[in-house]
Amino acid sequence: MYFTSEYADVRLWKNKVLLTWKKEARFDDYRRPTTAVLELMREHSCDLVIDARKGFEDEKADVEWGFSFLLPEMSKTGCKTVWFIMTEVNEDTIGEEMDMWKAEFLKYFEVRKVDSPEKIGD
């Protein structure tokens, strides 16, 4: 494990950086794991997997930080594809927010949505 907190885990998995959200996070609880993701992406020049099956919501300030700083910095790492792991159930509850993030990620990366980690290739 590269980073762990009560909110998220970050680690290398299948030659990708895997961010697994455990519960809703705001401000530093959101930015610490996402900054750890950025550090690993810089170090390994690899793709990103975001496991949002346990839900995911953002504070407006975190969205602004993500759009103005985090995603542009991630685009400099060599990442080509971002994977979102979501289930049909949580897509009903957070789908609109994930669509907003997907639109922003598409400015820099190819984006794929799957419903299980097994559907992500090596």
N, C-alpha and C. Protein backbone atom coordinates (compact mmCIF):
# COMPACT_ATOMS: atom_id res chain seq x y z
N MET A 1 0.86 -1.18 0.00
CA MET A 1 0.00 0.00 0.00
C MET A 1 0.90 1.24 0.00
N TYR A 2 0.64 2.14 -0.88
CA TYR A 2 1.41 3.38 -0.96
C TYR A 2 0.86 4.43 0.00
N PHE A 3 -0.47 4.52 0.08
CA PHE A 3 -1.14 5.48 0.95
C PHE A 3 -2.43 4.82 1.43
N THR A 4 -2.74 5.03 2.72
CA THR A 4 -4.01 4.54 3.22
C THR A 4 -4.54 5.50 4.29
N SER A 5 -5.85 5.66 4.28
CA SER A 5 -6.52 6.46 5.30
C SER A 5 -7.91 5.88 5.46
N GLU A 6 -8.69 6.46 6.35
CA GLU A 6 -10.05 5.97 6.50
C GLU A 6 -10.92 6.31 5.29
N TYR A 7 -10.42 7.18 4.42
CA TYR A 7 -11.18 7.64 3.25
C TYR A 7 -10.81 6.95 1.96
N ALA A 8 -9.55 6.57 1.81
CA ALA A 8 -9.10 6.01 0.53
C ALA A 8 -7.80 5.23 0.69
N ASP A 9 -7.59 4.31 -0.26
CA ASP A 9 -6.32 3.60 -0.40
C ASP A 9 -5.76 3.90 -1.78
N VAL A 10 -4.43 3.99 -1.86
CA VAL A 10 -3.74 4.21 -3.13
C VAL A 10 -2.61 3.19 -3.21
N ARG A 11 -2.55 2.48 -4.35
CA ARG A 11 -1.49 1.50 -4.54
C ARG A 11 -1.30 1.22 -6.02
N LEU A 12 -0.20 0.56 -6.33
CA LEU A 12 0.02 0.07 -7.69
C LEU A 12 -0.73 -1.25 -7.83
N TRP A 13 -1.36 -1.43 -8.99
CA TRP A 13 -2.15 -2.62 -9.26
C TRP A 13 -2.20 -2.82 -10.77
N LYS A 14 -1.78 -4.00 -11.25
CA LYS A 14 -1.78 -4.30 -12.68
C LYS A 14 -1.09 -3.20 -13.50
N ASN A 15 0.04 -2.74 -13.02
CA ASN A 15 0.81 -1.68 -13.70
C ASN A 15 0.03 -0.38 -13.85
N LYS A 16 -0.89 -0.14 -12.92
CA LYS A 16 -1.68 1.09 -12.90
C LYS A 16 -1.72 1.60 -11.46
N VAL A 17 -2.05 2.87 -11.32
CA VAL A 17 -2.30 3.41 -9.99
C VAL A 17 -3.78 3.20 -9.70
N LEU A 18 -4.06 2.59 -8.55
CA LEU A 18 -5.44 2.31 -8.14
C LEU A 18 -5.79 3.18 -6.94
N LEU A 19 -6.82 4.00 -7.11
CA LEU A 19 -7.38 4.82 -6.03
C LEU A 19 -8.72 4.20 -5.66
N THR A 20 -8.82 3.71 -4.43
CA THR A 20 -10.05 3.09 -3.95
C THR A 20 -10.65 3.99 -2.89
N TRP A 21 -11.79 4.60 -3.22
CA TRP A 21 -12.49 5.44 -2.24
C TRP A 21 -13.26 4.55 -1.28
N LYS A 22 -13.15 4.84 0.02
CA LYS A 22 -13.86 4.08 1.04
C LYS A 22 -15.12 4.81 1.50
N LYS A 23 -15.04 6.12 1.50
CA LYS A 23 -16.20 6.94 1.88
C LYS A 23 -15.94 8.38 1.43
N GLU A 24 -16.97 9.18 1.54
CA GLU A 24 -16.88 10.57 1.10
C GLU A 24 -15.75 11.30 1.82
N ALA A 25 -14.98 12.06 1.08
CA ALA A 25 -13.84 12.79 1.63
C ALA A 25 -13.89 14.23 1.15
N ARG A 26 -13.45 15.12 2.02
CA ARG A 26 -13.43 16.55 1.68
C ARG A 26 -12.11 17.17 2.11
N PHE A 27 -11.73 18.21 1.40
CA PHE A 27 -10.56 19.01 1.71
C PHE A 27 -9.32 18.13 1.86
N ASP A 28 -8.59 18.21 2.96
CA ASP A 28 -7.36 17.43 3.09
C ASP A 28 -7.60 15.93 2.99
N ASP A 29 -8.74 15.46 3.47
CA ASP A 29 -9.05 14.03 3.39
C ASP A 29 -9.24 13.59 1.94
N TYR A 30 -9.59 14.51 1.06
CA TYR A 30 -9.70 14.26 -0.37
C TYR A 30 -8.36 14.51 -1.07
N ARG A 31 -7.69 15.56 -0.69
CA ARG A 31 -6.48 15.96 -1.41
C ARG A 31 -5.26 15.10 -1.09
N ARG A 32 -5.15 14.58 0.13
CA ARG A 32 -4.01 13.72 0.46
C ARG A 32 -3.98 12.46 -0.41
N PRO A 33 -5.09 11.70 -0.51
CA PRO A 33 -5.00 10.52 -1.38
C PRO A 33 -4.83 10.86 -2.86
N THR A 34 -5.46 11.92 -3.33
CA THR A 34 -5.32 12.26 -4.75
C THR A 34 -3.91 12.79 -5.05
N THR A 35 -3.29 13.43 -4.09
CA THR A 35 -1.90 13.85 -4.27
C THR A 35 -0.97 12.63 -4.28
N ALA A 36 -1.29 11.63 -3.45
CA ALA A 36 -0.51 10.38 -3.47
C ALA A 36 -0.65 9.70 -4.83
N VAL A 37 -1.85 9.75 -5.41
CA VAL A 37 -2.07 9.21 -6.77
C VAL A 37 -1.15 9.93 -7.75
N LEU A 38 -1.13 11.24 -7.69
CA LEU A 38 -0.30 12.03 -8.60
C LEU A 38 1.18 11.65 -8.44
N GLU A 39 1.64 11.49 -7.21
CA GLU A 39 3.05 11.11 -6.98
C GLU A 39 3.37 9.77 -7.63
N LEU A 40 2.49 8.78 -7.45
CA LEU A 40 2.73 7.47 -8.06
C LEU A 40 2.67 7.54 -9.58
N MET A 41 1.73 8.32 -10.10
CA MET A 41 1.65 8.46 -11.56
C MET A 41 2.91 9.09 -12.12
N ARG A 42 3.45 10.06 -11.41
CA ARG A 42 4.71 10.69 -11.85
C ARG A 42 5.85 9.68 -11.83
N GLU A 43 5.90 8.88 -10.77
CA GLU A 43 6.98 7.93 -10.58
C GLU A 43 6.94 6.78 -11.59
N HIS A 44 5.73 6.32 -11.94
CA HIS A 44 5.59 5.13 -12.77
C HIS A 44 5.05 5.38 -14.17
N SER A 45 4.68 6.61 -14.51
CA SER A 45 4.14 6.94 -15.84
C SER A 45 3.09 5.92 -16.28
N CYS A 46 2.11 5.71 -15.42
CA CYS A 46 1.12 4.67 -15.72
C CYS A 46 -0.30 5.21 -15.68
N ASP A 47 -1.23 4.37 -16.11
CA ASP A 47 -2.64 4.73 -16.14
C ASP A 47 -3.24 4.71 -14.74
N LEU A 48 -4.46 5.21 -14.64
CA LEU A 48 -5.13 5.39 -13.36
C LEU A 48 -6.46 4.64 -13.34
N VAL A 49 -6.73 3.99 -12.21
CA VAL A 49 -8.01 3.32 -11.97
C VAL A 49 -8.62 3.96 -10.73
N ILE A 50 -9.87 4.42 -10.86
CA ILE A 50 -10.58 5.01 -9.72
C ILE A 50 -11.74 4.10 -9.39
N ASP A 51 -11.67 3.48 -8.22
CA ASP A 51 -12.74 2.59 -7.76
C ASP A 51 -13.73 3.44 -6.96
N ALA A 52 -14.86 3.73 -7.58
CA ALA A 52 -15.88 4.60 -6.96
C ALA A 52 -17.11 3.79 -6.56
N ARG A 53 -16.94 2.49 -6.35
CA ARG A 53 -18.10 1.66 -6.03
C ARG A 53 -18.69 1.96 -4.66
N LYS A 54 -17.92 2.54 -3.76
CA LYS A 54 -18.44 2.86 -2.43
C LYS A 54 -18.90 4.30 -2.35
N GLY A 55 -19.13 4.90 -3.49
CA GLY A 55 -19.63 6.26 -3.51
C GLY A 55 -18.52 7.27 -3.65
N PHE A 56 -18.92 8.45 -4.05
CA PHE A 56 -17.94 9.49 -4.31
C PHE A 56 -18.71 10.78 -4.51
N GLU A 57 -18.44 11.74 -3.67
CA GLU A 57 -19.02 13.07 -3.84
C GLU A 57 -17.94 14.09 -3.55
N ASP A 58 -18.08 15.25 -4.15
CA ASP A 58 -17.03 16.27 -4.01
C ASP A 58 -17.57 17.56 -3.42
N GLU A 59 -16.69 18.19 -2.69
CA GLU A 59 -16.89 19.55 -2.23
C GLU A 59 -16.54 20.47 -3.41
N LYS A 60 -17.25 21.57 -3.56
CA LYS A 60 -17.01 22.47 -4.70
C LYS A 60 -15.54 22.91 -4.77
N ALA A 61 -14.94 23.23 -3.63
CA ALA A 61 -13.53 23.66 -3.61
C ALA A 61 -12.61 22.54 -4.09
N ASP A 62 -12.94 21.29 -3.78
CA ASP A 62 -12.12 20.18 -4.24
C ASP A 62 -12.25 19.96 -5.74
N VAL A 63 -13.44 20.17 -6.27
CA VAL A 63 -13.64 20.07 -7.72
C VAL A 63 -12.80 21.13 -8.42
N GLU A 64 -12.86 22.35 -7.93
CA GLU A 64 -12.07 23.44 -8.53
C GLU A 64 -10.58 23.13 -8.47
N TRP A 65 -10.11 22.63 -7.34
CA TRP A 65 -8.70 22.25 -7.19
C TRP A 65 -8.35 21.11 -8.16
N GLY A 66 -9.24 20.13 -8.26
CA GLY A 66 -9.01 19.01 -9.16
C GLY A 66 -8.92 19.44 -10.62
N PHE A 67 -9.82 20.34 -11.03
CA PHE A 67 -9.84 20.80 -12.41
C PHE A 67 -8.69 21.74 -12.73
N SER A 68 -8.32 22.60 -11.78
CA SER A 68 -7.29 23.61 -12.07
C SER A 68 -5.87 23.12 -11.81
N PHE A 69 -5.70 22.18 -10.88
CA PHE A 69 -4.35 21.70 -10.53
C PHE A 69 -4.16 20.21 -10.81
N LEU A 70 -4.97 19.37 -10.19
CA LEU A 70 -4.72 17.93 -10.18
C LEU A 70 -4.73 17.32 -11.59
N LEU A 71 -5.79 17.50 -12.35
CA LEU A 71 -5.87 16.89 -13.67
C LEU A 71 -4.81 17.42 -14.63
N PRO A 72 -4.56 18.73 -14.68
CA PRO A 72 -3.46 19.20 -15.55
C PRO A 72 -2.11 18.58 -15.16
N GLU A 73 -1.86 18.41 -13.86
CA GLU A 73 -0.60 17.79 -13.43
C GLU A 73 -0.57 16.31 -13.81
N MET A 74 -1.70 15.62 -13.65
CA MET A 74 -1.77 14.21 -14.04
C MET A 74 -1.50 14.04 -15.53
N SER A 75 -1.92 15.01 -16.33
CA SER A 75 -1.74 14.91 -17.78
C SER A 75 -0.26 14.95 -18.18
N LYS A 76 0.60 15.38 -17.28
CA LYS A 76 2.04 15.46 -17.55
C LYS A 76 2.78 14.17 -17.17
N THR A 77 2.07 13.14 -16.70
CA THR A 77 2.72 11.96 -16.14
C THR A 77 2.93 10.82 -17.12
N GLY A 78 2.34 10.88 -18.28
CA GLY A 78 2.41 9.76 -19.22
C GLY A 78 1.17 8.89 -19.20
N CYS A 79 0.24 9.21 -18.32
CA CYS A 79 -1.03 8.48 -18.25
C CYS A 79 -1.80 8.68 -19.56
N LYS A 80 -2.35 7.59 -20.07
CA LYS A 80 -3.15 7.65 -21.30
C LYS A 80 -4.63 7.36 -21.04
N THR A 81 -4.91 6.47 -20.07
CA THR A 81 -6.27 6.02 -19.83
C THR A 81 -6.62 6.11 -18.35
N VAL A 82 -7.83 6.58 -18.08
CA VAL A 82 -8.37 6.58 -16.73
C VAL A 82 -9.59 5.68 -16.73
N TRP A 83 -9.60 4.75 -15.79
CA TRP A 83 -10.69 3.79 -15.64
C TRP A 83 -11.52 4.16 -14.42
N PHE A 84 -12.84 4.15 -14.56
CA PHE A 84 -13.75 4.31 -13.43
C PHE A 84 -14.43 2.97 -13.19
N ILE A 85 -14.33 2.46 -11.97
CA ILE A 85 -15.08 1.26 -11.59
C ILE A 85 -16.32 1.73 -10.85
N MET A 86 -17.48 1.42 -11.43
CA MET A 86 -18.75 1.83 -10.84
C MET A 86 -19.76 0.71 -11.02
N THR A 87 -20.72 0.65 -10.13
CA THR A 87 -21.80 -0.32 -10.27
C THR A 87 -23.04 0.42 -10.76
N GLU A 88 -24.00 -0.35 -11.24
CA GLU A 88 -25.24 0.26 -11.71
C GLU A 88 -25.93 1.04 -10.59
N VAL A 89 -25.87 0.51 -9.37
CA VAL A 89 -26.52 1.16 -8.23
C VAL A 89 -25.88 2.50 -7.93
N ASN A 90 -24.55 2.55 -7.83
CA ASN A 90 -23.97 3.84 -7.49
C ASN A 90 -23.95 4.79 -8.68
N GLU A 91 -24.09 4.28 -9.87
CA GLU A 91 -24.22 5.18 -11.03
C GLU A 91 -25.52 5.97 -10.94
N ASP A 92 -26.55 5.35 -10.37
CA ASP A 92 -27.82 6.06 -10.16
C ASP A 92 -27.67 7.21 -9.16
N THR A 93 -26.81 7.03 -8.15
CA THR A 93 -26.69 8.04 -7.11
C THR A 93 -25.59 9.07 -7.39
N ILE A 94 -24.50 8.66 -8.03
CA ILE A 94 -23.41 9.61 -8.28
C ILE A 94 -23.10 9.78 -9.76
N GLY A 95 -23.95 9.24 -10.61
CA GLY A 95 -23.70 9.28 -12.05
C GLY A 95 -23.50 10.67 -12.61
N GLU A 96 -24.31 11.62 -12.16
CA GLU A 96 -24.19 12.99 -12.66
C GLU A 96 -22.83 13.59 -12.31
N GLU A 97 -22.41 13.37 -11.08
CA GLU A 97 -21.10 13.89 -10.66
C GLU A 97 -19.97 13.20 -11.44
N MET A 98 -20.09 11.90 -11.63
CA MET A 98 -19.05 11.19 -12.38
C MET A 98 -19.03 11.63 -13.83
N ASP A 99 -20.19 11.96 -14.40
CA ASP A 99 -20.21 12.49 -15.77
C ASP A 99 -19.46 13.81 -15.86
N MET A 100 -19.59 14.64 -14.82
CA MET A 100 -18.86 15.91 -14.79
C MET A 100 -17.35 15.65 -14.78
N TRP A 101 -16.91 14.70 -13.92
CA TRP A 101 -15.49 14.36 -13.87
C TRP A 101 -15.03 13.73 -15.18
N LYS A 102 -15.86 12.86 -15.74
CA LYS A 102 -15.49 12.21 -17.00
C LYS A 102 -15.25 13.25 -18.09
N ALA A 103 -16.12 14.24 -18.18
CA ALA A 103 -15.97 15.29 -19.18
C ALA A 103 -14.64 16.02 -19.00
N GLU A 104 -14.27 16.27 -17.76
CA GLU A 104 -13.00 16.96 -17.51
C GLU A 104 -11.81 16.04 -17.80
N PHE A 105 -11.88 14.78 -17.38
CA PHE A 105 -10.81 13.82 -17.67
C PHE A 105 -10.61 13.65 -19.17
N LEU A 106 -11.70 13.69 -19.94
CA LEU A 106 -11.61 13.51 -21.39
C LEU A 106 -10.81 14.61 -22.08
N LYS A 107 -10.60 15.72 -21.43
CA LYS A 107 -9.75 16.77 -21.99
C LYS A 107 -8.29 16.32 -22.06
N TYR A 108 -7.94 15.30 -21.26
CA TYR A 108 -6.54 14.87 -21.14
C TYR A 108 -6.32 13.39 -21.44
N PHE A 109 -7.33 12.54 -21.21
CA PHE A 109 -7.15 11.09 -21.23
C PHE A 109 -8.29 10.39 -21.95
N GLU A 110 -8.05 9.15 -22.33
CA GLU A 110 -9.14 8.26 -22.70
C GLU A 110 -9.80 7.82 -21.39
N VAL A 111 -11.11 7.71 -21.38
CA VAL A 111 -11.84 7.33 -20.16
C VAL A 111 -12.67 6.09 -20.45
N ARG A 112 -12.59 5.13 -19.53
CA ARG A 112 -13.38 3.91 -19.65
C ARG A 112 -14.10 3.65 -18.33
N LYS A 113 -15.34 3.18 -18.43
CA LYS A 113 -16.11 2.81 -17.24
C LYS A 113 -16.36 1.31 -17.27
N VAL A 114 -16.11 0.66 -16.14
CA VAL A 114 -16.37 -0.77 -15.99
C VAL A 114 -17.09 -0.98 -14.67
N ASP A 115 -17.70 -2.18 -14.51
CA ASP A 115 -18.41 -2.45 -13.27
C ASP A 115 -17.67 -3.39 -12.35
N SER A 116 -16.48 -3.86 -12.77
CA SER A 116 -15.67 -4.69 -11.89
C SER A 116 -14.19 -4.59 -12.29
N PRO A 117 -13.29 -4.79 -11.32
CA PRO A 117 -11.86 -4.71 -11.63
C PRO A 117 -11.42 -5.76 -12.64
N GLU A 118 -12.12 -6.90 -12.69
CA GLU A 118 -11.74 -7.97 -13.61
C GLU A 118 -11.82 -7.53 -15.07
N LYS A 119 -12.54 -6.48 -15.37
CA LYS A 119 -12.72 -6.01 -16.74
C LYS A 119 -11.61 -5.04 -17.19
N ILE A 120 -10.65 -4.83 -16.32
CA ILE A 120 -9.53 -3.95 -16.64
C ILE A 120 -8.34 -4.82 -17.02
N GLY A 121 -7.81 -4.57 -18.19
CA GLY A 121 -6.67 -5.36 -18.66
C GLY A 121 -5.37 -4.94 -18.01
N ASP A 122 -4.36 -5.77 -18.23
CA ASP A 122 -3.01 -5.46 -17.69
C ASP A 122 -2.37 -4.31 -18.42
